[in-house]
Amino acid sequence: MHFSNYISDLLYRYECVIVPGFGAFLAHRVSAYHDETAQAFFPPKKRISFNAQLKENDGLLANYVASAEHLSYESALLKVQEFAENIQQKLNAEETLVFDKIGTLSQNEAGNLSFEPEQSTNYLTEAFGLAAYTAQPVTREVLAQEAEALEEKAPIHLTPARRSNGWMKYAAVGLLTIGLSGALGFLYFKDIADHNFAEKQKAESQIENTIQHATFTIDNPLPAVTLNAFKPKGNFHIVAGAFRIPENAETRVNQLREAGYKARTLGENKYGLHQVVYGSYTDRTEALKELRNIRNTDNPNAWMLIQELN
């Protein structure tokens, strides 16, 4: 199967394409810009990057493979998982992976991943057909010489009468017109300003009188109600997964709560995914300790997100 083509197709429409158990390819929008050194103008585009932390299956890639290959969702998901295992084995063997129209991915001896995006493909559909443009320098001396040559070939002679009387006549008419227009315009806008000021004072007076006469008395006020709402605290969050469909995120939250965790969602992130967390902590050491425990007992793909709550 051509998984690189499937991922490439999805990057045109989505900002995040997850390969379950492996990582996610992200598409960030970049505005058009000008390179002063190269004197080139580049159109807006989507810049591709890779995030190894986003591994939770959101169903996007598996559903697309199932539709393209005419398979059931379960069979397509199995194919995707086999693909993820295969490329992970190649990375562990220090091979460089080439994803057609996406980029290259490699892993060093320390296990750190390095992704180099492919530059020739623009995944921003709004910029379809736009290419980089290089401006040609203008040689001013050559243009000046050409202008002088044209003047020599076709000189223009003005008689003294045209130089003196013609432009002075038109200038006098123009000044007279501007003077009349300015005077009439000033009087017109002055009348409008005076009218608006008078109407504003009238309206403010009516509002003040209305407020003075509007007195409300409540004989039986309702008792005050105190709500004890739970507000999570802490900037260190242990992430269980990220889901494109909100219902799937809520299902995962309920599962974790049944298991005893204070699970919840952090809302939708900039990639359109709904992040589910086991819990939030104010102390980094406590959060790391709980993360190690969760990885050993429940989810080896759990990771910690540092984000200040609104």
C-alpha atoms as a PDB file:
ATOM      1  CA  MET A   1       0.000   0.000   0.000  1.00  0.00           C
ATOM      2  CA  HIS A   2       1.120   3.534  -0.748  1.00  0.00           C
ATOM      3  CA  PHE A   3       0.795   4.999   2.741  1.00  0.00           C
ATOM      4  CA  SER A   4       2.874   8.048   1.801  1.00  0.00           C
ATOM      5  CA  ASN A   5       0.280   8.946  -0.844  1.00  0.00           C
ATOM      6  CA  TYR A   6      -2.586   8.478   1.621  1.00  0.00           C
ATOM      7  CA  ILE A   7      -0.892  10.706   4.210  1.00  0.00           C
ATOM      8  CA  SER A   8      -0.116  13.279   1.508  1.00  0.00           C
ATOM      9  CA  ASP A   9      -3.749  13.327   0.349  1.00  0.00           C
ATOM     10  CA  LEU A  10      -4.969  13.964   3.889  1.00  0.00           C
ATOM     11  CA  LEU A  11      -2.492  16.792   4.511  1.00  0.00           C
ATOM     12  CA  TYR A  12      -4.265  18.852   1.839  1.00  0.00           C
ATOM     13  CA  ARG A  13      -7.464  18.766   3.924  1.00  0.00           C
ATOM     14  CA  TYR A  14      -6.322  18.368   7.540  1.00  0.00           C
ATOM     15  CA  GLU A  15      -3.689  19.947   9.757  1.00  0.00           C
ATOM     16  CA  CYS A  16      -2.855  16.722  11.592  1.00  0.00           C
ATOM     17  CA  VAL A  17      -2.544  13.167  10.247  1.00  0.00           C
ATOM     18  CA  ILE A  18      -1.733  10.560  12.919  1.00  0.00           C
ATOM     19  CA  VAL A  19      -0.061   7.237  12.175  1.00  0.00           C
ATOM     20  CA  PRO A  20      -1.314   5.240  15.199  1.00  0.00           C
ATOM     21  CA  GLY A  21       1.508   4.006  17.400  1.00  0.00           C
ATOM     22  CA  PHE A  22       4.147   5.988  15.508  1.00  0.00           C
ATOM     23  CA  GLY A  23       3.524   9.759  15.382  1.00  0.00           C
ATOM     24  CA  ALA A  24       1.764  12.563  13.544  1.00  0.00           C
ATOM     25  CA  PHE A  25       2.502  14.724  10.522  1.00  0.00           C
ATOM     26  CA  LEU A  26       1.433  18.320  11.168  1.00  0.00           C
ATOM     27  CA  ALA A  27       0.686  21.051   8.621  1.00  0.00           C
ATOM     28  CA  HIS A  28       1.296  24.622   9.849  1.00  0.00           C
ATOM     29  CA  ARG A  29       0.083  27.561   7.748  1.00  0.00           C
ATOM     30  CA  VAL A  30       2.848  30.015   6.782  1.00  0.00           C
ATOM     31  CA  SER A  31       2.091  33.451   5.332  1.00  0.00           C
ATOM     32  CA  ALA A  32       3.610  34.723   2.093  1.00  0.00           C
ATOM     33  CA  TYR A  33       7.021  36.319   2.573  1.00  0.00           C
ATOM     34  CA  HIS A  34       9.806  38.147   0.734  1.00  0.00           C
ATOM     35  CA  ASP A  35      13.425  36.966   0.767  1.00  0.00           C
ATOM     36  CA  GLU A  36      15.492  40.135   0.462  1.00  0.00           C
ATOM     37  CA  THR A  37      18.730  38.249  -0.145  1.00  0.00           C
ATOM     38  CA  ALA A  38      17.373  36.255  -3.077  1.00  0.00           C
ATOM     39  CA  GLN A  39      14.970  39.042  -4.136  1.00  0.00           C
ATOM     40  CA  ALA A  40      12.221  36.405  -4.318  1.00  0.00           C
ATOM     41  CA  PHE A  41       8.555  36.389  -3.315  1.00  0.00           C
ATOM     42  CA  PHE A  42       7.136  33.131  -1.914  1.00  0.00           C
ATOM     43  CA  PRO A  43       3.386  32.342  -1.745  1.00  0.00           C
ATOM     44  CA  PRO A  44       1.613  31.194   1.448  1.00  0.00           C
ATOM     45  CA  LYS A  45       1.881  27.483   2.156  1.00  0.00           C
ATOM     46  CA  LYS A  46       1.586  24.698   4.729  1.00  0.00           C
ATOM     47  CA  ARG A  47       4.881  23.783   6.401  1.00  0.00           C
ATOM     48  CA  ILE A  48       5.075  20.088   7.338  1.00  0.00           C
ATOM     49  CA  SER A  49       6.540  18.881  10.646  1.00  0.00           C
ATOM     50  CA  PHE A  50       6.528  15.632  12.660  1.00  0.00           C
ATOM     51  CA  ASN A  51       5.484  15.043  16.284  1.00  0.00           C
ATOM     52  CA  ALA A  52       6.305  11.663  17.820  1.00  0.00           C
ATOM     53  CA  GLN A  53       4.135  12.350  20.892  1.00  0.00           C
ATOM     54  CA  LEU A  54       0.808  12.179  19.011  1.00  0.00           C
ATOM     55  CA  LYS A  55       0.281   8.430  18.608  1.00  0.00           C
ATOM     56  CA  GLU A  56      -3.310   7.810  19.694  1.00  0.00           C
ATOM     57  CA  ASN A  57      -5.511   6.535  16.873  1.00  0.00           C
ATOM     58  CA  ASP A  58      -8.121   9.117  15.805  1.00  0.00           C
ATOM     59  CA  GLY A  59      -9.484   6.956  12.975  1.00  0.00           C
ATOM     60  CA  LEU A  60      -8.642   9.418  10.189  1.00  0.00           C
ATOM     61  CA  LEU A  61      -5.910   7.470   8.375  1.00  0.00           C
ATOM     62  CA  ALA A  62      -7.544   4.055   8.899  1.00  0.00           C
ATOM     63  CA  ASN A  63     -10.883   5.288   7.537  1.00  0.00           C
ATOM     64  CA  TYR A  64      -9.185   6.796   4.487  1.00  0.00           C
ATOM     65  CA  VAL A  65      -7.257   3.573   3.789  1.00  0.00           C
ATOM     66  CA  ALA A  66     -10.459   1.549   4.183  1.00  0.00           C
ATOM     67  CA  SER A  67     -12.232   3.760   1.642  1.00  0.00           C
ATOM     68  CA  ALA A  68      -9.341   3.780  -0.846  1.00  0.00           C
ATOM     69  CA  GLU A  69      -8.612   0.043  -0.637  1.00  0.00           C
ATOM     70  CA  HIS A  70     -12.260  -1.103  -0.229  1.00  0.00           C
ATOM     71  CA  LEU A  71     -11.508  -2.765   3.119  1.00  0.00           C
ATOM     72  CA  SER A  72     -13.314  -2.953   6.423  1.00  0.00           C
ATOM     73  CA  TYR A  73     -12.187  -0.505   9.089  1.00  0.00           C
ATOM     74  CA  GLU A  74     -10.679  -3.310  11.185  1.00  0.00           C
ATOM     75  CA  SER A  75      -8.640  -4.637   8.241  1.00  0.00           C
ATOM     76  CA  ALA A  76      -7.463  -1.150   7.315  1.00  0.00           C
ATOM     77  CA  LEU A  77      -6.440  -0.410  10.920  1.00  0.00           C
ATOM     78  CA  LEU A  78      -4.425  -3.639  10.983  1.00  0.00           C
ATOM     79  CA  LYS A  79      -2.620  -2.555   7.784  1.00  0.00           C
ATOM     80  CA  VAL A  80      -1.846   0.840   9.308  1.00  0.00           C
ATOM     81  CA  GLN A  81      -0.461  -0.754  12.473  1.00  0.00           C
ATOM     82  CA  GLU A  82       1.755  -3.072  10.401  1.00  0.00           C
ATOM     83  CA  PHE A  83       3.003  -0.029   8.484  1.00  0.00           C
ATOM     84  CA  ALA A  84       3.824   1.779  11.752  1.00  0.00           C
ATOM     85  CA  GLU A  85       5.735  -1.236  13.117  1.00  0.00           C
ATOM     86  CA  ASN A  86       7.666  -1.628   9.861  1.00  0.00           C
ATOM     87  CA  ILE A  87       8.867   1.987   9.688  1.00  0.00           C
ATOM     88  CA  GLN A  88       9.758   1.954  13.412  1.00  0.00           C
ATOM     89  CA  GLN A  89      11.965  -1.103  12.834  1.00  0.00           C
ATOM     90  CA  LYS A  90      13.698   0.678   9.956  1.00  0.00           C
ATOM     91  CA  LEU A  91      14.332   3.719  12.129  1.00  0.00           C
ATOM     92  CA  ASN A  92      15.765   1.539  14.894  1.00  0.00           C
ATOM     93  CA  ALA A  93      18.131   0.100  12.288  1.00  0.00           C
ATOM     94  CA  GLU A  94      19.252   3.700  11.568  1.00  0.00           C
ATOM     95  CA  GLU A  95      17.677   3.754   8.133  1.00  0.00           C
ATOM     96  CA  THR A  96      16.461   7.026   6.640  1.00  0.00           C
ATOM     97  CA  LEU A  97      12.776   6.931   5.730  1.00  0.00           C
ATOM     98  CA  VAL A  98      11.609   8.823   2.656  1.00  0.00           C
ATOM     99  CA  PHE A  99       7.916   9.798   2.566  1.00  0.00           C
ATOM    100  CA  ASP A 100       7.098  10.847  -0.986  1.00  0.00           C
ATOM    101  CA  LYS A 101       5.994  14.532  -1.242  1.00  0.00           C
ATOM    102  CA  ILE A 102       6.243  14.825   2.580  1.00  0.00           C
ATOM    103  CA  GLY A 103       9.880  14.603   3.722  1.00  0.00           C
ATOM    104  CA  THR A 104      12.592  12.395   5.218  1.00  0.00           C
ATOM    105  CA  LEU A 105      12.745  10.985   8.745  1.00  0.00           C
ATOM    106  CA  SER A 106      15.797   9.592  10.537  1.00  0.00           C
ATOM    107  CA  GLN A 107      16.811   8.542  14.051  1.00  0.00           C
ATOM    108  CA  ASN A 108      20.216   9.006  15.672  1.00  0.00           C
ATOM    109  CA  GLU A 109      21.978   6.720  18.146  1.00  0.00           C
ATOM    110  CA  ALA A 110      20.368   8.514  21.085  1.00  0.00           C
ATOM    111  CA  GLY A 111      16.910   7.712  19.718  1.00  0.00           C
ATOM    112  CA  ASN A 112      16.099  11.306  18.726  1.00  0.00           C
ATOM    113  CA  LEU A 113      14.097  11.791  15.533  1.00  0.00           C
ATOM    114  CA  SER A 114      14.999  14.306  12.850  1.00  0.00           C
ATOM    115  CA  PHE A 115      12.473  15.312  10.174  1.00  0.00           C
ATOM    116  CA  GLU A 116      13.327  17.268   7.026  1.00  0.00           C
ATOM    117  CA  PRO A 117      10.226  18.436   5.108  1.00  0.00           C
ATOM    118  CA  GLU A 118      10.039  18.266   1.317  1.00  0.00           C
ATOM    119  CA  GLN A 119       9.800  21.813  -0.077  1.00  0.00           C
ATOM    120  CA  SER A 120       8.374  21.393  -3.570  1.00  0.00           C
ATOM    121  CA  THR A 121       4.803  20.468  -2.559  1.00  0.00           C
ATOM    122  CA  ASN A 122       2.429  23.149  -1.255  1.00  0.00           C
ATOM    123  CA  TYR A 123      -0.458  21.622   0.722  1.00  0.00           C
ATOM    124  CA  LEU A 124      -2.323  24.924   1.037  1.00  0.00           C
ATOM    125  CA  THR A 125      -5.201  24.630  -1.447  1.00  0.00           C
ATOM    126  CA  GLU A 126      -5.836  28.383  -1.330  1.00  0.00           C
ATOM    127  CA  ALA A 127      -2.418  28.949  -2.911  1.00  0.00           C
ATOM    128  CA  PHE A 128      -2.938  26.447  -5.733  1.00  0.00           C
ATOM    129  CA  GLY A 129      -1.134  27.560  -8.886  1.00  0.00           C
ATOM    130  CA  LEU A 130       1.003  30.163  -7.109  1.00  0.00           C
ATOM    131  CA  ALA A 131       4.758  29.787  -7.498  1.00  0.00           C
ATOM    132  CA  ALA A 132       7.768  31.631  -6.143  1.00  0.00           C
ATOM    133  CA  TYR A 133       8.649  34.757  -8.121  1.00  0.00           C
ATOM    134  CA  THR A 134      12.139  36.196  -8.438  1.00  0.00           C
ATOM    135  CA  ALA A 135      12.346  39.922  -9.164  1.00  0.00           C
ATOM    136  CA  GLN A 136      14.829  41.024 -11.813  1.00  0.00           C
ATOM    137  CA  PRO A 137      17.042  43.987 -10.866  1.00  0.00           C
ATOM    138  CA  VAL A 138      16.379  47.263 -12.693  1.00  0.00           C
ATOM    139  CA  THR A 139      19.396  48.852 -14.356  1.00  0.00           C
ATOM    140  CA  ARG A 140      18.642  52.555 -14.038  1.00  0.00           C
ATOM    141  CA  GLU A 141      21.584  53.753 -16.161  1.00  0.00           C
ATOM    142  CA  VAL A 142      20.441  51.729 -19.152  1.00  0.00           C
ATOM    143  CA  LEU A 143      16.876  53.052 -18.841  1.00  0.00           C
ATOM    144  CA  ALA A 144      18.156  56.619 -18.586  1.00  0.00           C
ATOM    145  CA  GLN A 145      20.245  56.197 -21.734  1.00  0.00           C
ATOM    146  CA  GLU A 146      17.241  54.767 -23.591  1.00  0.00           C
ATOM    147  CA  ALA A 147      15.103  57.718 -22.482  1.00  0.00           C
ATOM    148  CA  GLU A 148      17.735  60.192 -23.711  1.00  0.00           C
ATOM    149  CA  ALA A 149      17.881  58.407 -27.036  1.00  0.00           C
ATOM    150  CA  LEU A 150      14.101  58.680 -27.419  1.00  0.00           C
ATOM    151  CA  GLU A 151      14.207  62.393 -26.631  1.00  0.00           C
ATOM    152  CA  GLU A 152      16.841  62.920 -29.300  1.00  0.00           C
ATOM    153  CA  LYS A 153      14.724  61.097 -31.883  1.00  0.00           C
ATOM    154  CA  ALA A 154      11.437  62.845 -31.043  1.00  0.00           C
ATOM    155  CA  PRO A 155      12.137  66.229 -29.406  1.00  0.00           C
ATOM    156  CA  ILE A 156       9.179  68.209 -28.117  1.00  0.00           C
ATOM    157  CA  HIS A 157       9.224  71.992 -28.676  1.00  0.00           C
ATOM    158  CA  LEU A 158       7.000  74.313 -26.701  1.00  0.00           C
ATOM    159  CA  THR A 159       6.371  77.878 -27.873  1.00  0.00           C
ATOM    160  CA  PRO A 160       6.745  80.695 -25.317  1.00  0.00           C
ATOM    161  CA  ALA A 161       3.034  81.492 -25.550  1.00  0.00           C
ATOM    162  CA  ARG A 162       2.019  77.970 -24.558  1.00  0.00           C
ATOM    163  CA  ARG A 163       4.531  77.908 -21.742  1.00  0.00           C
ATOM    164  CA  SER A 164       3.288  81.128 -20.160  1.00  0.00           C
ATOM    165  CA  ASN A 165      -0.390  81.678 -20.918  1.00  0.00           C
ATOM    166  CA  GLY A 166      -1.736  78.129 -21.165  1.00  0.00           C
ATOM    167  CA  TRP A 167      -0.869  76.766 -17.781  1.00  0.00           C
ATOM    168  CA  MET A 168      -1.554  80.038 -15.970  1.00  0.00           C
ATOM    169  CA  LYS A 169      -5.099  80.131 -17.377  1.00  0.00           C
ATOM    170  CA  TYR A 170      -5.875  76.579 -16.217  1.00  0.00           C
ATOM    171  CA  ALA A 171      -4.226  77.205 -12.854  1.00  0.00           C
ATOM    172  CA  ALA A 172      -6.421  80.248 -12.212  1.00  0.00           C
ATOM    173  CA  VAL A 173      -9.592  78.315 -13.011  1.00  0.00           C
ATOM    174  CA  GLY A 174      -8.469  75.454 -10.789  1.00  0.00           C
ATOM    175  CA  LEU A 175      -7.716  77.694  -7.811  1.00  0.00           C
ATOM    176  CA  LEU A 176     -11.091  79.428  -8.127  1.00  0.00           C
ATOM    177  CA  THR A 177     -12.903  76.060  -8.207  1.00  0.00           C
ATOM    178  CA  ILE A 178     -11.009  74.733  -5.181  1.00  0.00           C
ATOM    179  CA  GLY A 179     -11.734  77.909  -3.217  1.00  0.00           C
ATOM    180  CA  LEU A 180     -15.492  77.777  -3.849  1.00  0.00           C
ATOM    181  CA  SER A 181     -15.658  74.042  -3.082  1.00  0.00           C
ATOM    182  CA  GLY A 182     -13.783  74.496   0.171  1.00  0.00           C
ATOM    183  CA  ALA A 183     -16.040  77.297   1.379  1.00  0.00           C
ATOM    184  CA  LEU A 184     -19.255  75.458   0.533  1.00  0.00           C
ATOM    185  CA  GLY A 185     -17.934  72.229   2.040  1.00  0.00           C
ATOM    186  CA  PHE A 186     -16.978  73.977   5.296  1.00  0.00           C
ATOM    187  CA  LEU A 187     -20.459  75.507   5.691  1.00  0.00           C
ATOM    188  CA  TYR A 188     -22.139  72.177   4.897  1.00  0.00           C
ATOM    189  CA  PHE A 189     -20.167  70.134   7.409  1.00  0.00           C
ATOM    190  CA  LYS A 190     -20.501  72.861  10.052  1.00  0.00           C
ATOM    191  CA  ASP A 191     -24.295  72.636   9.788  1.00  0.00           C
ATOM    192  CA  ILE A 192     -24.125  68.851  10.138  1.00  0.00           C
ATOM    193  CA  ALA A 193     -21.860  69.078  13.204  1.00  0.00           C
ATOM    194  CA  ASP A 194     -24.158  71.607  14.917  1.00  0.00           C
ATOM    195  CA  HIS A 195     -27.205  69.419  14.218  1.00  0.00           C
ATOM    196  CA  ASN A 196     -25.508  66.263  15.564  1.00  0.00           C
ATOM    197  CA  PHE A 197     -24.392  68.058  18.737  1.00  0.00           C
ATOM    198  CA  ALA A 198     -27.902  69.312  19.430  1.00  0.00           C
ATOM    199  CA  GLU A 199     -29.430  65.877  18.866  1.00  0.00           C
ATOM    200  CA  LYS A 200     -26.821  64.247  21.118  1.00  0.00           C
ATOM    201  CA  GLN A 201     -27.644  66.639  23.984  1.00  0.00           C
ATOM    202  CA  LYS A 202     -31.370  65.945  23.514  1.00  0.00           C
ATOM    203  CA  ALA A 203     -30.850  62.167  23.589  1.00  0.00           C
ATOM    204  CA  GLU A 204     -28.622  62.305  26.680  1.00  0.00           C
ATOM    205  CA  SER A 205     -31.257  64.393  28.486  1.00  0.00           C
ATOM    206  CA  GLN A 206     -33.998  61.855  27.672  1.00  0.00           C
ATOM    207  CA  ILE A 207     -31.853  58.929  28.863  1.00  0.00           C
ATOM    208  CA  GLU A 208     -31.039  60.702  32.138  1.00  0.00           C
ATOM    209  CA  ASN A 209     -34.728  61.405  32.832  1.00  0.00           C
ATOM    210  CA  THR A 210     -35.632  57.786  32.085  1.00  0.00           C
ATOM    211  CA  ILE A 211     -32.973  56.471  34.473  1.00  0.00           C
ATOM    212  CA  GLN A 212     -34.126  58.819  37.244  1.00  0.00           C
ATOM    213  CA  HIS A 213     -37.733  57.544  36.976  1.00  0.00           C
ATOM    214  CA  ALA A 214     -36.826  53.841  36.603  1.00  0.00           C
ATOM    215  CA  THR A 215     -36.792  52.602  40.215  1.00  0.00           C
ATOM    216  CA  PHE A 216     -37.289  48.872  40.794  1.00  0.00           C
ATOM    217  CA  THR A 217     -38.223  47.255  44.102  1.00  0.00           C
ATOM    218  CA  ILE A 218     -38.010  43.479  44.665  1.00  0.00           C
ATOM    219  CA  ASP A 219     -40.135  42.433  47.659  1.00  0.00           C
ATOM    220  CA  ASN A 220     -39.058  38.794  47.807  1.00  0.00           C
ATOM    221  CA  PRO A 221     -35.518  38.434  46.505  1.00  0.00           C
ATOM    222  CA  LEU A 222     -34.304  34.918  45.772  1.00  0.00           C
ATOM    223  CA  PRO A 223     -31.774  33.441  48.209  1.00  0.00           C
ATOM    224  CA  ALA A 224     -28.155  33.376  47.107  1.00  0.00           C
ATOM    225  CA  VAL A 225     -26.988  30.105  45.585  1.00  0.00           C
ATOM    226  CA  THR A 226     -23.452  28.843  46.124  1.00  0.00           C
ATOM    227  CA  LEU A 227     -22.096  26.467  43.486  1.00  0.00           C
ATOM    228  CA  ASN A 228     -19.143  24.277  44.333  1.00  0.00           C
ATOM    229  CA  ALA A 229     -17.702  23.827  40.861  1.00  0.00           C
ATOM    230  CA  PHE A 230     -14.572  21.758  40.409  1.00  0.00           C
ATOM    231  CA  LYS A 231     -11.824  23.785  38.789  1.00  0.00           C
ATOM    232  CA  PRO A 232      -8.710  21.786  37.907  1.00  0.00           C
ATOM    233  CA  LYS A 233      -5.411  23.291  38.956  1.00  0.00           C
ATOM    234  CA  GLY A 234      -1.893  22.811  37.697  1.00  0.00           C
ATOM    235  CA  ASN A 235       0.057  23.360  34.514  1.00  0.00           C
ATOM    236  CA  PHE A 236       1.454  19.817  34.228  1.00  0.00           C
ATOM    237  CA  HIS A 237      -1.008  17.522  32.433  1.00  0.00           C
ATOM    238  CA  ILE A 238      -0.599  13.795  31.709  1.00  0.00           C
ATOM    239  CA  VAL A 239      -2.107  13.210  28.263  1.00  0.00           C
ATOM    240  CA  ALA A 240      -3.900   9.936  27.560  1.00  0.00           C
ATOM    241  CA  GLY A 241      -4.625  10.674  23.900  1.00  0.00           C
ATOM    242  CA  ALA A 242      -5.892  13.171  21.333  1.00  0.00           C
ATOM    243  CA  PHE A 243      -9.080  12.605  19.344  1.00  0.00           C
ATOM    244  CA  ARG A 244     -10.505  14.364  16.317  1.00  0.00           C
ATOM    245  CA  ILE A 245     -14.106  13.384  17.184  1.00  0.00           C
ATOM    246  CA  PRO A 246     -15.364  14.926  20.486  1.00  0.00           C
ATOM    247  CA  GLU A 247     -17.569  11.903  21.264  1.00  0.00           C
ATOM    248  CA  ASN A 248     -14.523   9.618  21.215  1.00  0.00           C
ATOM    249  CA  ALA A 249     -12.740  11.954  23.616  1.00  0.00           C
ATOM    250  CA  GLU A 250     -15.694  11.897  26.037  1.00  0.00           C
ATOM    251  CA  THR A 251     -15.802   8.085  25.848  1.00  0.00           C
ATOM    252  CA  ARG A 252     -12.124   7.938  26.806  1.00  0.00           C
ATOM    253  CA  VAL A 253     -12.721  10.364  29.699  1.00  0.00           C
ATOM    254  CA  ASN A 254     -15.508   8.153  31.067  1.00  0.00           C
ATOM    255  CA  GLN A 255     -13.285   5.075  30.816  1.00  0.00           C
ATOM    256  CA  LEU A 256     -10.494   6.744  32.766  1.00  0.00           C
ATOM    257  CA  ARG A 257     -12.881   8.068  35.406  1.00  0.00           C
ATOM    258  CA  GLU A 258     -14.256   4.564  35.928  1.00  0.00           C
ATOM    259  CA  ALA A 259     -10.659   3.454  36.456  1.00  0.00           C
ATOM    260  CA  GLY A 260     -10.265   6.050  39.222  1.00  0.00           C
ATOM    261  CA  TYR A 261      -8.523   8.896  37.405  1.00  0.00           C
ATOM    262  CA  LYS A 262      -9.614  12.550  37.520  1.00  0.00           C
ATOM    263  CA  ALA A 263      -9.781  12.596  33.741  1.00  0.00           C
ATOM    264  CA  ARG A 264     -11.100  15.424  31.620  1.00  0.00           C
ATOM    265  CA  THR A 265     -10.553  17.131  28.256  1.00  0.00           C
ATOM    266  CA  LEU A 266      -8.411  20.204  27.661  1.00  0.00           C
ATOM    267  CA  GLY A 267     -10.558  21.324  24.763  1.00  0.00           C
ATOM    268  CA  GLU A 268      -9.588  21.532  21.117  1.00  0.00           C
ATOM    269  CA  ASN A 269      -5.947  22.304  20.306  1.00  0.00           C
ATOM    270  CA  LYS A 270      -4.639  24.158  17.256  1.00  0.00           C
ATOM    271  CA  TYR A 271      -4.556  20.924  15.251  1.00  0.00           C
ATOM    272  CA  GLY A 272      -8.276  20.283  15.726  1.00  0.00           C
ATOM    273  CA  LEU A 273      -7.722  17.449  18.234  1.00  0.00           C
ATOM    274  CA  HIS A 274      -9.430  17.055  21.621  1.00  0.00           C
ATOM    275  CA  GLN A 275      -6.815  16.134  24.239  1.00  0.00           C
ATOM    276  CA  VAL A 276      -7.798  13.826  27.107  1.00  0.00           C
ATOM    277  CA  VAL A 277      -5.714  13.936  30.297  1.00  0.00           C
ATOM    278  CA  TYR A 278      -5.465  11.577  33.257  1.00  0.00           C
ATOM    279  CA  GLY A 279      -5.120  14.575  35.545  1.00  0.00           C
ATOM    280  CA  SER A 280      -3.380  17.906  36.135  1.00  0.00           C
ATOM    281  CA  TYR A 281      -0.690  18.672  38.707  1.00  0.00           C
ATOM    282  CA  THR A 282       0.863  21.794  40.184  1.00  0.00           C
ATOM    283  CA  ASP A 283       4.143  20.060  41.048  1.00  0.00           C
ATOM    284  CA  ARG A 284       6.384  18.845  38.216  1.00  0.00           C
ATOM    285  CA  THR A 285       8.010  16.106  40.307  1.00  0.00           C
ATOM    286  CA  GLU A 286       4.629  14.711  41.321  1.00  0.00           C
ATOM    287  CA  ALA A 287       3.474  14.794  37.692  1.00  0.00           C
ATOM    288  CA  LEU A 288       6.570  12.909  36.476  1.00  0.00           C
ATOM    289  CA  LYS A 289       6.127  10.296  39.186  1.00  0.00           C
ATOM    290  CA  GLU A 290       2.502   9.732  38.164  1.00  0.00           C
ATOM    291  CA  LEU A 291       3.497   9.650  34.464  1.00  0.00           C
ATOM    292  CA  ARG A 292       5.973   6.821  35.124  1.00  0.00           C
ATOM    293  CA  ASN A 293       3.326   4.919  37.054  1.00  0.00           C
ATOM    294  CA  ILE A 294       0.758   5.310  34.254  1.00  0.00           C
ATOM    295  CA  ARG A 295       3.244   4.207  31.597  1.00  0.00           C
ATOM    296  CA  ASN A 296       4.080   1.079  33.595  1.00  0.00           C
ATOM    297  CA  THR A 297       0.508   0.124  34.459  1.00  0.00           C
ATOM    298  CA  ASP A 298      -1.916   1.561  31.905  1.00  0.00           C
ATOM    299  CA  ASN A 299      -0.605   3.401  28.845  1.00  0.00           C
ATOM    300  CA  PRO A 300       3.029   3.310  27.631  1.00  0.00           C
ATOM    301  CA  ASN A 301       2.249   6.119  25.156  1.00  0.00           C
ATOM    302  CA  ALA A 302       1.135   8.622  27.816  1.00  0.00           C
ATOM    303  CA  TRP A 303       3.093  11.878  27.859  1.00  0.00           C
ATOM    304  CA  MET A 304       3.232  15.135  29.810  1.00  0.00           C
ATOM    305  CA  LEU A 305       1.968  18.454  28.446  1.00  0.00           C
ATOM    306  CA  ILE A 306       3.034  21.713  30.103  1.00  0.00           C
ATOM    307  CA  GLN A 307       0.306  24.291  29.496  1.00  0.00           C
ATOM    308  CA  GLU A 308      -1.131  27.092  31.597  1.00  0.00           C
ATOM    309  CA  LEU A 309      -4.889  26.816  32.102  1.00  0.00           C
ATOM    310  CA  ASN A 310      -7.115  29.758  31.174  1.00  0.00           C
END
